[in-house]
C-alpha atoms as a PDB file:
ATOM      1  CA  UNK A   1     -98.671 291.963-103.018  1.00  0.00           C
ATOM      2  CA  UNK A   2     -99.538 294.644-101.046  1.00  0.00           C
ATOM      3  CA  UNK A   3    -101.609 292.705 -98.782  1.00  0.00           C
ATOM      4  CA  UNK A   4     -98.565 290.521 -98.695  1.00  0.00           C
ATOM      5  CA  UNK A   5     -96.503 293.423 -97.317  1.00  0.00           C
ATOM      6  CA  UNK A   6     -99.177 294.384 -94.996  1.00  0.00           C
ATOM      7  CA  UNK A   7     -99.338 290.701 -93.634  1.00  0.00           C
ATOM      8  CA  UNK A   8     -95.388 290.989 -93.016  1.00  0.00           C
ATOM      9  CA  UNK A   9     -95.884 293.983 -91.207  1.00  0.00           C
ATOM     10  CA  UNK A  10     -98.118 292.747 -88.648  1.00  0.00           C
ATOM     11  CA  UNK A  11     -96.413 290.258 -87.927  1.00  0.00           C
ATOM     12  CA  UNK A  12     -93.135 292.226 -87.312  1.00  0.00           C
ATOM     13  CA  UNK A  13     -95.055 294.087 -85.238  1.00  0.00           C
ATOM     14  CA  UNK A  14     -96.447 291.615 -83.412  1.00  0.00           C
ATOM     15  CA  UNK A  15     -93.271 289.781 -82.699  1.00  0.00           C
ATOM     16  CA  UNK A  16     -92.167 293.409 -81.555  1.00  0.00           C
ATOM     17  CA  UNK A  17     -95.285 293.401 -79.051  1.00  0.00           C
ATOM     18  CA  UNK A  18     -94.689 290.395 -77.751  1.00  0.00           C
ATOM     19  CA  UNK A  19     -90.651 290.794 -77.154  1.00  0.00           C
ATOM     20  CA  UNK A  20     -91.768 293.951 -75.162  1.00  0.00           C
ATOM     21  CA  UNK A  21     -95.131 292.722 -73.342  1.00  0.00           C
ATOM     22  CA  UNK A  22     -95.008 288.724 -72.589  1.00  0.00           C
ATOM     23  CA  UNK A  23     -91.745 288.838 -70.397  1.00  0.00           C
ATOM     24  CA  UNK A  24     -93.404 291.457 -68.012  1.00  0.00           C
ATOM     25  CA  UNK A  25     -96.519 289.721 -67.780  1.00  0.00           C
ATOM     26  CA  UNK A  26     -94.782 285.903 -67.260  1.00  0.00           C
ATOM     27  CA  UNK A  27     -93.146 287.706 -64.281  1.00  0.00           C
ATOM     28  CA  UNK A  28     -95.568 289.162 -62.970  1.00  0.00           C
ATOM     29  CA  UNK A  29     -98.389 286.364 -63.435  1.00  0.00           C
ATOM     30  CA  UNK A  30     -98.737 283.226 -60.247  1.00  0.00           C
ATOM     31  CA  UNK A  31     -99.296 280.771 -63.310  1.00  0.00           C
ATOM     32  CA  UNK A  32     -95.903 281.269 -64.493  1.00  0.00           C
ATOM     33  CA  UNK A  33     -92.943 280.505 -62.270  1.00  0.00           C
ATOM     34  CA  UNK A  34     -89.517 281.829 -62.699  1.00  0.00           C
ATOM     35  CA  UNK A  35     -86.025 282.086 -60.944  1.00  0.00           C
ATOM     36  CA  UNK A  36     -82.666 283.465 -61.390  1.00  0.00           C
ATOM     37  CA  UNK A  37     -79.635 281.884 -60.001  1.00  0.00           C
ATOM     38  CA  UNK A  38     -77.429 284.091 -58.819  1.00  0.00           C
ATOM     39  CA  UNK A  39     -75.695 282.739 -55.744  1.00  0.00           C
ATOM     40  CA  UNK A  40     -73.144 280.505 -58.195  1.00  0.00           C
ATOM     41  CA  UNK A  41     -71.574 283.556 -59.500  1.00  0.00           C
ATOM     42  CA  UNK A  42     -71.725 285.529 -55.968  1.00  0.00           C
ATOM     43  CA  UNK A  43     -70.037 282.429 -54.350  1.00  0.00           C
ATOM     44  CA  UNK A  44     -67.269 282.248 -57.702  1.00  0.00           C
ATOM     45  CA  UNK A  45     -66.371 285.822 -56.944  1.00  0.00           C
ATOM     46  CA  UNK A  46     -65.892 285.263 -53.482  1.00  0.00           C
ATOM     47  CA  UNK A  47     -63.446 282.041 -53.821  1.00  0.00           C
ATOM     48  CA  UNK A  48     -61.270 284.121 -55.948  1.00  0.00           C
ATOM     49  CA  UNK A  49     -61.483 286.926 -53.443  1.00  0.00           C
ATOM     50  CA  UNK A  50     -60.091 284.542 -51.005  1.00  0.00           C
ATOM     51  CA  UNK A  51     -57.818 282.757 -53.024  1.00  0.00           C
ATOM     52  CA  UNK A  52     -55.770 286.264 -53.695  1.00  0.00           C
ATOM     53  CA  UNK A  53     -55.563 286.567 -50.495  1.00  0.00           C
ATOM     54  CA  UNK A  54     -53.404 283.768 -49.901  1.00  0.00           C
ATOM     55  CA  UNK A  55     -49.899 282.855 -51.127  1.00  0.00           C
ATOM     56  CA  UNK A  56     -49.613 279.334 -51.606  1.00  0.00           C
ATOM     57  CA  UNK A  57     -45.397 279.038 -51.431  1.00  0.00           C
ATOM     58  CA  UNK A  58     -45.468 274.810 -51.261  1.00  0.00           C
ATOM     59  CA  UNK A  59     -47.185 272.173 -52.866  1.00  0.00           C
ATOM     60  CA  UNK A  60     -47.103 268.298 -51.559  1.00  0.00           C
ATOM     61  CA  UNK A  61     -48.185 265.670 -53.946  1.00  0.00           C
ATOM     62  CA  UNK A  62     -48.979 262.062 -52.602  1.00  0.00           C
ATOM     63  CA  UNK A  63     -50.919 259.154 -53.022  1.00  0.00           C
ATOM     64  CA  UNK A  64     -51.542 256.371 -50.701  1.00  0.00           C
ATOM     65  CA  UNK A  65     -52.734 252.794 -50.584  1.00  0.00           C
ATOM     66  CA  UNK A  66     -55.989 251.511 -48.018  1.00  0.00           C
ATOM     67  CA  UNK A  67     -56.640 248.424 -47.375  1.00  0.00           C
ATOM     68  CA  UNK A  68     -59.689 248.611 -45.688  1.00  0.00           C
ATOM     69  CA  UNK A  69     -61.798 245.609 -43.838  1.00  0.00           C
ATOM     70  CA  UNK A  70     -65.868 245.418 -42.357  1.00  0.00           C
ATOM     71  CA  UNK A  71     -67.010 242.669 -41.553  1.00  0.00           C
ATOM     72  CA  UNK A  72     -70.310 241.383 -39.578  1.00  0.00           C
ATOM     73  CA  UNK A  73     -70.712 239.278 -36.986  1.00  0.00           C
ATOM     74  CA  UNK A  74     -73.457 236.963 -35.428  1.00  0.00           C
ATOM     75  CA  UNK A  75     -73.820 236.331 -31.574  1.00  0.00           C
ATOM     76  CA  UNK A  76     -75.836 233.599 -30.047  1.00  0.00           C
ATOM     77  CA  UNK A  77     -76.132 233.857 -26.219  1.00  0.00           C
ATOM     78  CA  UNK A  78     -73.241 233.274 -24.608  1.00  0.00           C
ATOM     79  CA  UNK A  79     -71.366 231.835 -27.504  1.00  0.00           C
ATOM     80  CA  UNK A  80     -68.713 233.541 -29.266  1.00  0.00           C
ATOM     81  CA  UNK A  81     -69.114 235.414 -31.944  1.00  0.00           C
ATOM     82  CA  UNK A  82     -69.419 233.962 -35.495  1.00  0.00           C
ATOM     83  CA  UNK A  83     -68.336 235.960 -38.259  1.00  0.00           C
ATOM     84  CA  UNK A  84     -70.572 235.196 -41.268  1.00  0.00           C
ATOM     85  CA  UNK A  85     -69.402 238.067 -43.667  1.00  0.00           C
ATOM     86  CA  UNK A  86     -66.109 239.972 -44.579  1.00  0.00           C
ATOM     87  CA  UNK A  87     -65.665 242.672 -47.179  1.00  0.00           C
ATOM     88  CA  UNK A  88     -62.136 244.032 -48.213  1.00  0.00           C
ATOM     89  CA  UNK A  89     -61.317 246.727 -49.877  1.00  0.00           C
ATOM     90  CA  UNK A  90     -58.164 248.395 -51.603  1.00  0.00           C
ATOM     91  CA  UNK A  91     -58.663 251.843 -52.120  1.00  0.00           C
ATOM     92  CA  UNK A  92     -56.038 254.015 -53.919  1.00  0.00           C
ATOM     93  CA  UNK A  93     -56.190 258.320 -54.224  1.00  0.00           C
ATOM     94  CA  UNK A  94     -53.845 260.769 -54.743  1.00  0.00           C
ATOM     95  CA  UNK A  95     -54.143 264.601 -53.430  1.00  0.00           C
ATOM     96  CA  UNK A  96     -52.376 267.511 -52.397  1.00  0.00           C
ATOM     97  CA  UNK A  97     -51.103 269.229 -49.693  1.00  0.00           C
ATOM     98  CA  UNK A  98     -50.759 273.257 -50.058  1.00  0.00           C
ATOM     99  CA  UNK A  99     -49.012 275.600 -47.394  1.00  0.00           C
ATOM    100  CA  UNK A 100     -48.488 279.116 -47.183  1.00  0.00           C
ATOM    101  CA  UNK A 101     -49.492 282.487 -45.397  1.00  0.00           C
ATOM    102  CA  UNK A 102     -52.611 284.779 -45.449  1.00  0.00           C
ATOM    103  CA  UNK A 103     -51.277 288.019 -47.194  1.00  0.00           C
ATOM    104  CA  UNK A 104     -54.474 289.862 -45.425  1.00  0.00           C
ATOM    105  CA  UNK A 105     -52.606 289.957 -42.449  1.00  0.00           C
ATOM    106  CA  UNK A 106     -49.194 291.388 -44.055  1.00  0.00           C
ATOM    107  CA  UNK A 107     -47.989 295.094 -42.724  1.00  0.00           C
ATOM    108  CA  UNK A 108     -45.634 296.400 -44.796  1.00  0.00           C
ATOM    109  CA  UNK A 109     -43.363 299.040 -43.364  1.00  0.00           C
ATOM    110  CA  UNK A 110     -41.295 301.123 -45.938  1.00  0.00           C
ATOM    111  CA  UNK A 111     -38.447 303.575 -45.125  1.00  0.00           C
ATOM    112  CA  UNK A 112     -38.232 305.210 -49.089  1.00  0.00           C
ATOM    113  CA  UNK A 113     -35.417 307.670 -47.416  1.00  0.00           C
ATOM    114  CA  UNK A 114     -33.281 304.304 -46.055  1.00  0.00           C
ATOM    115  CA  UNK A 115     -34.910 302.055 -49.244  1.00  0.00           C
ATOM    116  CA  UNK A 116     -35.434 299.666 -46.241  1.00  0.00           C
ATOM    117  CA  UNK A 117     -38.719 297.295 -46.029  1.00  0.00           C
ATOM    118  CA  UNK A 118     -40.352 295.410 -43.484  1.00  0.00           C
ATOM    119  CA  UNK A 119     -41.743 292.472 -43.590  1.00  0.00           C
ATOM    120  CA  UNK A 120     -44.537 291.023 -41.487  1.00  0.00           C
ATOM    121  CA  UNK A 121     -45.985 287.729 -42.520  1.00  0.00           C
ATOM    122  CA  UNK A 122     -48.418 285.300 -40.733  1.00  0.00           C
ATOM    123  CA  UNK A 123     -46.782 281.685 -40.205  1.00  0.00           C
ATOM    124  CA  UNK A 124     -47.576 279.405 -43.028  1.00  0.00           C
ATOM    125  CA  UNK A 125     -50.420 277.379 -42.718  1.00  0.00           C
ATOM    126  CA  UNK A 126     -52.650 274.447 -44.390  1.00  0.00           C
ATOM    127  CA  UNK A 127     -54.461 276.105 -47.394  1.00  0.00           C
ATOM    128  CA  UNK A 128     -55.928 273.213 -48.984  1.00  0.00           C
ATOM    129  CA  UNK A 129     -55.842 269.175 -48.691  1.00  0.00           C
ATOM    130  CA  UNK A 130     -57.744 268.259 -51.311  1.00  0.00           C
ATOM    131  CA  UNK A 131     -58.148 264.681 -52.784  1.00  0.00           C
ATOM    132  CA  UNK A 132     -58.451 263.872 -56.313  1.00  0.00           C
ATOM    133  CA  UNK A 133     -61.417 261.627 -57.037  1.00  0.00           C
ATOM    134  CA  UNK A 134     -61.431 261.832 -60.256  1.00  0.00           C
ATOM    135  CA  UNK A 135     -58.269 259.395 -60.409  1.00  0.00           C
ATOM    136  CA  UNK A 136     -59.785 257.099 -56.780  1.00  0.00           C
ATOM    137  CA  UNK A 137     -60.312 253.490 -57.703  1.00  0.00           C
ATOM    138  CA  UNK A 138     -61.760 251.019 -55.236  1.00  0.00           C
ATOM    139  CA  UNK A 139     -61.022 247.469 -56.122  1.00  0.00           C
ATOM    140  CA  UNK A 140     -62.659 244.676 -54.375  1.00  0.00           C
ATOM    141  CA  UNK A 141     -60.385 241.953 -53.117  1.00  0.00           C
ATOM    142  CA  UNK A 142     -62.989 239.914 -50.809  1.00  0.00           C
ATOM    143  CA  UNK A 143     -66.521 239.880 -50.148  1.00  0.00           C
ATOM    144  CA  UNK A 144     -70.055 237.790 -50.321  1.00  0.00           C
ATOM    145  CA  UNK A 145     -73.246 238.464 -50.999  1.00  0.00           C
ATOM    146  CA  UNK A 146     -74.186 239.376 -47.323  1.00  0.00           C
ATOM    147  CA  UNK A 147     -70.915 242.003 -46.874  1.00  0.00           C
ATOM    148  CA  UNK A 148     -71.321 245.415 -48.035  1.00  0.00           C
ATOM    149  CA  UNK A 149     -69.216 248.076 -48.430  1.00  0.00           C
ATOM    150  CA  UNK A 150     -70.557 251.703 -47.983  1.00  0.00           C
ATOM    151  CA  UNK A 151     -69.683 254.430 -50.062  1.00  0.00           C
ATOM    152  CA  UNK A 152     -69.807 256.412 -46.937  1.00  0.00           C
ATOM    153  CA  UNK A 153     -67.021 253.929 -45.508  1.00  0.00           C
ATOM    154  CA  UNK A 154     -64.659 254.673 -48.351  1.00  0.00           C
ATOM    155  CA  UNK A 155     -64.957 258.428 -47.387  1.00  0.00           C
ATOM    156  CA  UNK A 156     -64.568 258.031 -44.026  1.00  0.00           C
ATOM    157  CA  UNK A 157     -61.080 256.056 -44.371  1.00  0.00           C
ATOM    158  CA  UNK A 158     -59.915 258.833 -46.976  1.00  0.00           C
ATOM    159  CA  UNK A 159     -60.601 261.565 -44.527  1.00  0.00           C
ATOM    160  CA  UNK A 160     -58.151 259.844 -41.792  1.00  0.00           C
ATOM    161  CA  UNK A 161     -55.991 259.306 -43.381  1.00  0.00           C
ATOM    162  CA  UNK A 162     -55.391 262.574 -45.380  1.00  0.00           C
ATOM    163  CA  UNK A 163     -55.717 263.799 -42.318  1.00  0.00           C
ATOM    164  CA  UNK A 164     -53.205 261.705 -40.439  1.00  0.00           C
ATOM    165  CA  UNK A 165     -50.827 262.662 -43.520  1.00  0.00           C
ATOM    166  CA  UNK A 166     -51.386 266.363 -43.248  1.00  0.00           C
ATOM    167  CA  UNK A 167     -50.250 265.703 -39.185  1.00  0.00           C
ATOM    168  CA  UNK A 168     -47.346 264.178 -40.240  1.00  0.00           C
ATOM    169  CA  UNK A 169     -46.057 266.552 -42.890  1.00  0.00           C
ATOM    170  CA  UNK A 170     -46.587 269.197 -40.581  1.00  0.00           C
ATOM    171  CA  UNK A 171     -44.823 267.663 -37.427  1.00  0.00           C
ATOM    172  CA  UNK A 172     -41.961 266.702 -40.402  1.00  0.00           C
ATOM    173  CA  UNK A 173     -41.633 271.096 -40.950  1.00  0.00           C
ATOM    174  CA  UNK A 174     -43.868 271.807 -44.163  1.00  0.00           C
ATOM    175  CA  UNK A 175     -44.798 275.132 -42.700  1.00  0.00           C
ATOM    176  CA  UNK A 176     -41.211 275.977 -41.543  1.00  0.00           C
ATOM    177  CA  UNK A 177     -40.339 275.133 -45.130  1.00  0.00           C
ATOM    178  CA  UNK A 178     -43.388 276.736 -46.604  1.00  0.00           C
ATOM    179  CA  UNK A 179     -41.911 280.289 -44.501  1.00  0.00           C
ATOM    180  CA  UNK A 180     -38.667 279.869 -45.661  1.00  0.00           C
ATOM    181  CA  UNK A 181     -39.900 279.866 -49.252  1.00  0.00           C
ATOM    182  CA  UNK A 182     -42.329 282.939 -48.440  1.00  0.00           C
ATOM    183  CA  UNK A 183     -39.280 284.768 -47.153  1.00  0.00           C
ATOM    184  CA  UNK A 184     -37.304 283.776 -50.394  1.00  0.00           C
ATOM    185  CA  UNK A 185     -40.011 285.277 -52.421  1.00  0.00           C
ATOM    186  CA  UNK A 186     -40.634 288.450 -50.764  1.00  0.00           C
ATOM    187  CA  UNK A 187     -36.554 288.875 -50.438  1.00  0.00           C
ATOM    188  CA  UNK A 188     -36.411 288.383 -54.270  1.00  0.00           C
ATOM    189  CA  UNK A 189     -38.810 290.864 -55.482  1.00  0.00           C
ATOM    190  CA  UNK A 190     -38.364 293.671 -52.699  1.00  0.00           C
ATOM    191  CA  UNK A 191     -34.866 293.477 -53.520  1.00  0.00           C
ATOM    192  CA  UNK A 192     -35.404 293.387 -57.562  1.00  0.00           C
ATOM    193  CA  UNK A 193     -36.646 296.889 -56.527  1.00  0.00           C
ATOM    194  CA  UNK A 194     -33.517 297.928 -55.037  1.00  0.00           C
ATOM    195  CA  UNK A 195     -35.242 297.903 -51.195  1.00  0.00           C
ATOM    196  CA  UNK A 196     -33.370 296.042 -48.505  1.00  0.00           C
ATOM    197  CA  UNK A 197     -35.805 293.806 -46.990  1.00  0.00           C
ATOM    198  CA  UNK A 198     -36.198 292.771 -43.249  1.00  0.00           C
ATOM    199  CA  UNK A 199     -38.657 289.424 -42.996  1.00  0.00           C
ATOM    200  CA  UNK A 200     -40.943 288.455 -40.021  1.00  0.00           C
ATOM    201  CA  UNK A 201     -42.811 286.074 -39.183  1.00  0.00           C
ATOM    202  CA  UNK A 202     -45.638 286.142 -36.186  1.00  0.00           C
END
């Protein structure tokens, strides 16, 4: 019984020693390579801080369908080009635009005596134009064994159309509407605290 207790005690001591001694040896030894990934945590913290410095006052959701064609041609001397392969794809996707103001550039001037607040906000801008790829579908409409349709072509088509949509919505007054929402938001919040509010965009 005594020998058994001694064995148990020695085993516990060995585990404790191994716990204390082995990790530093592994870190110090060139035979073992250990890495600690901290970059993702740092990047996430920065993203959260950036998001907090922006006020999204408008979100526009959209869906779109693109009919995209690619073809291959064969030319021989001065003869007209001969199309020998064609691919047609139906690309359906959805996404959203976010517009708002940069709170890091906001200026506040509070006059406690008169209960008046002057707020200067930077004009709204597009904060995000995101394609929800999990809902994207690409359907083969036409294709042959000679035709191909690279994934990069799909990405290029979507990026082109989403940029066009963004420019179109901006020209239709999306940013002005976001400014109006920001003005309404700050006016409501400050009025609720008893302040008379003057808001200026620059």
